[in-house]
Amino acid sequence: MAGTNDGAGRRRRTSAARTVAGVAAAAAALTVLAACSGGGGGDGGPEMALGDSGLMEGVAPPGPEGFTPVEVAGIAINAPDGWDVQNEGDSLCMTPPGQEACAYGSVQLVARAAANQPQGWPLEGEAYREDEGWAAAPDNCRSLNTAASGDIGVEGSTLSESGFFEDHADGLTSHQAMWDVTCVNDETFRVRMWFLPISDVLLYVWSVDAQYEEVYTQIAASMDTSGYRD
């Protein structure tokens, strides 16, 4: 069966048979592990997992333990439990506990992102591939100590990662980008983005809170645009 793409140069993943085989192999490995280790840790000790070099203690990712499905403009995505969710029009914002809404640490999902921006960001001029493309107006510092003030300038920015993300729930491939930004007061912050240029769907971490790095990736993986019509 032929794959499809979103203009990012990669096709949908279509190897269902390979996935099923992988799941079966993993299940078999876990059965062997349970037999060798005496089951699910009934002695109260930490559960063990099979790592590259043998048995190792499982390590849970930081952040909320669970997720709740939410939707905007027909796009489904998982919001971490305990995060504040604001949903209005073509945009949805998820904010971690203790932070200002849609600011430091938050994740924004925007349908028709460039179409609703006067500057056409991030599509215009392929800004999502440029060093200064982390915002429509890349001139305000968003570090933890300055995010609320909005009046600290930016010294410069570097596109530290630019490539493809193939793990979205709908099988589409987005353009994934990451910027490291330095403020005029020498503080720094990071911005992450997953962008579907043809669908014009943007998933955007306004200013990364490092403790949620893995959570951001899990959120991105859950994004499903199957019900979206641009």
Protein backbone atom coordinates (compact mmCIF):
# COMPACT_ATOMS: atom_id res chain seq x y z
CA MET A 1 0.00 0.00 0.00
CA ALA A 2 1.44 3.34 -1.01
CA GLY A 3 2.29 5.90 1.68
CA THR A 4 1.40 9.57 1.82
CA ASN A 5 3.27 12.58 3.13
CA ASP A 6 2.75 16.17 4.18
CA GLY A 7 5.29 17.82 1.93
CA ALA A 8 8.15 17.25 4.33
CA GLY A 9 9.76 14.64 2.12
CA ARG A 10 8.85 11.54 4.14
CA ARG A 11 6.06 9.01 3.65
CA ARG A 12 3.48 7.62 6.04
CA ARG A 13 4.60 4.53 7.85
CA THR A 14 2.73 1.58 6.28
CA SER A 15 4.53 -1.51 7.58
CA ALA A 16 1.80 -2.85 9.85
CA ALA A 17 3.17 -6.37 9.59
CA ARG A 18 6.56 -5.24 10.79
CA THR A 19 4.96 -3.44 13.74
CA VAL A 20 2.92 -6.51 14.73
CA ALA A 21 6.04 -8.67 14.55
CA GLY A 22 7.90 -6.22 16.73
CA VAL A 23 5.13 -6.22 19.33
CA ALA A 24 5.04 -10.00 19.36
CA ALA A 25 8.80 -10.20 19.84
CA ALA A 26 8.65 -7.69 22.68
CA ALA A 27 5.84 -9.65 24.36
CA ALA A 28 7.87 -12.85 24.12
CA ALA A 29 10.88 -11.15 25.64
CA LEU A 30 8.78 -9.87 28.54
CA THR A 31 7.40 -13.38 29.16
CA VAL A 32 10.93 -14.77 29.43
CA LEU A 33 11.89 -11.93 31.75
CA ALA A 34 8.92 -12.60 34.03
CA ALA A 35 9.85 -16.26 34.26
CA CYS A 36 13.48 -15.49 35.07
CA SER A 37 12.82 -12.72 37.56
CA GLY A 38 9.92 -14.30 39.44
CA GLY A 39 7.08 -12.19 38.04
CA GLY A 40 6.14 -8.57 38.70
CA GLY A 41 8.33 -7.71 41.65
CA GLY A 42 6.09 -9.08 44.37
CA ASP A 43 8.87 -8.51 46.90
CA GLY A 44 8.24 -4.76 46.76
CA GLY A 45 11.46 -4.02 44.88
CA PRO A 46 11.66 -1.84 41.75
CA GLU A 47 10.39 -3.35 38.51
CA MET A 48 13.08 -4.34 36.05
CA ALA A 49 13.16 -3.80 32.30
CA LEU A 50 15.27 -5.24 29.49
CA GLY A 51 17.87 -2.69 28.41
CA ASP A 52 20.60 -2.72 25.75
CA SER A 53 23.04 -4.28 28.20
CA GLY A 54 20.69 -6.56 30.15
CA LEU A 55 18.33 -5.97 33.06
CA MET A 56 18.04 -2.44 34.35
CA GLU A 57 15.70 -0.57 36.66
CA GLY A 58 12.89 1.17 34.78
CA VAL A 59 13.02 4.97 34.89
CA ALA A 60 9.79 6.93 34.50
CA PRO A 61 9.90 10.14 32.42
CA PRO A 62 9.43 13.40 34.31
CA GLY A 63 6.14 15.19 34.40
CA PRO A 64 2.50 14.02 34.69
CA GLU A 65 1.79 10.31 34.79
CA GLY A 66 -1.23 10.35 32.51
CA PHE A 67 -2.81 12.14 29.57
CA THR A 68 -6.33 13.17 28.56
CA PRO A 69 -7.45 13.41 24.90
CA VAL A 70 -8.42 16.92 23.76
CA GLU A 71 -9.27 18.36 20.36
CA VAL A 72 -9.17 21.59 18.37
CA ALA A 73 -10.36 22.10 14.77
CA GLY A 74 -10.63 18.33 14.37
CA ILE A 75 -7.04 17.74 15.51
CA ALA A 76 -6.77 15.29 18.40
CA ILE A 77 -3.91 15.41 20.88
CA ASN A 78 -3.15 14.28 24.44
CA ALA A 79 -2.92 16.85 27.23
CA PRO A 80 -0.92 15.91 30.34
CA ASP A 81 -3.12 15.41 33.39
CA GLY A 82 -2.88 18.35 35.78
CA TRP A 83 -2.04 20.86 33.04
CA ASP A 84 -4.39 23.74 32.34
CA VAL A 85 -6.00 23.52 28.88
CA GLN A 86 -7.35 26.56 27.05
CA ASN A 87 -9.22 25.92 23.81
CA GLU A 88 -10.40 28.78 21.64
CA GLY A 89 -11.06 29.01 17.91
CA ASP A 90 -8.26 27.39 15.93
CA SER A 91 -5.83 27.14 18.84
CA LEU A 92 -5.33 25.13 21.98
CA CYS A 93 -2.85 25.80 24.77
CA MET A 94 -1.59 23.42 27.46
CA THR A 95 0.17 24.99 30.45
CA PRO A 96 2.07 23.07 33.15
CA PRO A 97 1.17 23.55 36.82
CA GLY A 98 2.39 26.76 38.46
CA GLN A 99 3.05 28.71 35.24
CA GLU A 100 1.30 31.60 33.54
CA ALA A 101 -1.18 30.51 30.87
CA CYS A 102 0.39 29.95 27.44
CA ALA A 103 3.81 31.14 28.57
CA TYR A 104 6.86 29.40 30.05
CA GLY A 105 6.71 25.62 29.58
CA SER A 106 3.45 25.71 27.63
CA VAL A 107 2.56 23.85 24.44
CA GLN A 108 0.40 25.47 21.76
CA LEU A 109 -1.46 23.61 19.01
CA VAL A 110 -2.57 25.91 16.20
CA ALA A 111 -4.60 25.04 13.11
CA ARG A 112 -4.18 27.27 10.04
CA ALA A 113 -1.16 28.75 11.80
CA ALA A 114 0.40 30.72 8.94
CA ALA A 115 -2.98 31.61 7.43
CA ASN A 116 -3.94 33.37 10.67
CA GLN A 117 -0.61 35.23 11.01
CA PRO A 118 -0.21 38.63 9.27
CA GLN A 119 3.45 37.76 8.60
CA GLY A 120 2.59 34.26 7.41
CA TRP A 121 4.87 32.75 10.07
CA PRO A 122 6.21 30.10 10.19
CA LEU A 123 5.52 29.20 6.55
CA GLU A 124 6.54 32.47 4.86
CA GLY A 125 10.12 32.15 3.61
CA GLU A 126 10.33 28.77 5.33
CA ALA A 127 11.06 30.54 8.62
CA TYR A 128 10.82 27.19 10.39
CA ARG A 129 14.21 26.36 8.80
CA GLU A 130 15.96 29.62 9.76
CA ASP A 131 18.00 30.72 12.78
CA GLU A 132 15.61 33.58 13.47
CA GLY A 133 12.47 31.59 12.68
CA TRP A 134 11.49 30.66 16.23
CA ALA A 135 8.77 33.36 16.42
CA ALA A 136 6.88 35.77 14.19
CA ALA A 137 8.67 38.59 16.07
CA PRO A 138 11.83 36.98 17.52
CA ASP A 139 12.82 39.85 19.79
CA ASN A 140 11.55 39.13 23.34
CA CYS A 141 13.34 36.98 25.92
CA ARG A 142 11.33 34.01 27.23
CA SER A 143 13.66 32.66 29.91
CA LEU A 144 12.06 31.59 33.19
CA ASN A 145 13.07 34.81 34.94
CA THR A 146 12.01 37.15 32.14
CA ALA A 147 9.01 35.48 30.46
CA ALA A 148 6.47 37.50 32.45
CA SER A 149 8.10 40.89 31.85
CA GLY A 150 8.18 40.77 28.05
CA ASP A 151 10.60 43.70 27.84
CA ILE A 152 14.00 41.96 27.74
CA GLY A 153 15.55 41.81 24.29
CA VAL A 154 17.25 38.99 22.41
CA GLU A 155 20.93 38.87 21.51
CA GLY A 156 20.72 36.07 18.96
CA SER A 157 19.38 32.59 18.20
CA THR A 158 20.60 29.36 16.65
CA LEU A 159 18.61 26.65 14.91
CA SER A 160 20.10 23.75 16.86
CA GLU A 161 17.91 21.01 15.36
CA SER A 162 16.11 20.80 12.02
CA GLY A 163 14.75 17.58 10.60
CA PHE A 164 11.79 15.23 10.44
CA PHE A 165 9.49 13.76 13.09
CA GLU A 166 7.80 10.56 11.93
CA ASP A 167 6.02 9.40 15.07
CA HIS A 168 2.73 11.33 14.99
CA ALA A 169 -0.35 9.20 15.68
CA ASP A 170 -1.78 9.81 12.19
CA GLY A 171 1.42 8.58 10.49
CA LEU A 172 2.26 11.96 8.97
CA THR A 173 5.77 13.40 9.07
CA SER A 174 6.27 16.94 10.37
CA HIS A 175 9.24 19.25 10.22
CA GLN A 176 10.79 19.29 13.68
CA ALA A 177 12.89 22.26 14.79
CA MET A 178 14.61 23.45 17.95
CA TRP A 179 16.15 26.84 18.68
CA ASP A 180 18.52 27.98 21.41
CA VAL A 181 18.07 31.68 22.09
CA THR A 182 20.34 34.05 24.06
CA CYS A 183 18.89 37.17 25.69
CA VAL A 184 20.64 40.52 26.10
CA ASN A 185 21.04 39.77 29.82
CA ASP A 186 22.86 36.49 28.92
CA GLU A 187 19.97 34.28 30.00
CA THR A 188 18.95 31.57 27.55
CA PHE A 189 15.86 29.61 26.59
CA ARG A 190 14.83 26.98 24.07
CA VAL A 191 11.92 26.78 21.62
CA ARG A 192 10.59 23.58 20.01
CA MET A 193 8.32 23.21 16.99
CA TRP A 194 6.59 20.51 14.96
CA PHE A 195 5.11 21.94 11.75
CA LEU A 196 3.08 20.44 8.89
CA PRO A 197 3.67 22.92 6.02
CA ILE A 198 0.90 21.67 3.72
CA SER A 199 -1.73 21.19 6.43
CA ASP A 200 -0.53 24.42 8.11
CA VAL A 201 -0.69 22.84 11.57
CA LEU A 202 1.75 24.03 14.23
CA LEU A 203 2.66 22.38 17.54
CA TYR A 204 4.84 24.81 19.47
CA VAL A 205 6.64 24.84 22.81
CA TRP A 206 6.73 28.55 23.64
CA SER A 207 9.68 28.23 26.03
CA VAL A 208 10.97 24.81 27.03
CA ASP A 209 10.85 23.75 30.68
CA ALA A 210 13.64 21.14 30.72
CA GLN A 211 11.85 18.84 33.18
CA TYR A 212 9.14 18.25 30.56
CA GLU A 213 11.37 17.49 27.55
CA GLU A 214 10.13 13.91 27.28
CA VAL A 215 6.54 14.98 27.92
CA TYR A 216 6.70 17.38 24.96
CA THR A 217 7.79 14.55 22.70
CA GLN A 218 4.96 12.34 23.98
CA ILE A 219 2.47 15.13 23.27
CA ALA A 220 3.82 15.50 19.73
CA ALA A 221 3.61 11.76 19.14
CA SER A 222 -0.08 11.77 20.12
CA MET A 223 -1.09 14.44 17.55
CA ASP A 224 -3.66 13.11 15.05
CA THR A 225 -4.86 15.36 12.20
CA SER A 226 -7.12 12.72 10.62
CA GLY A 227 -10.24 14.74 11.43
CA TYR A 228 -8.76 18.09 10.39
CA ARG A 229 -9.74 19.94 7.24
CA ASP A 230 -7.58 22.93 6.32
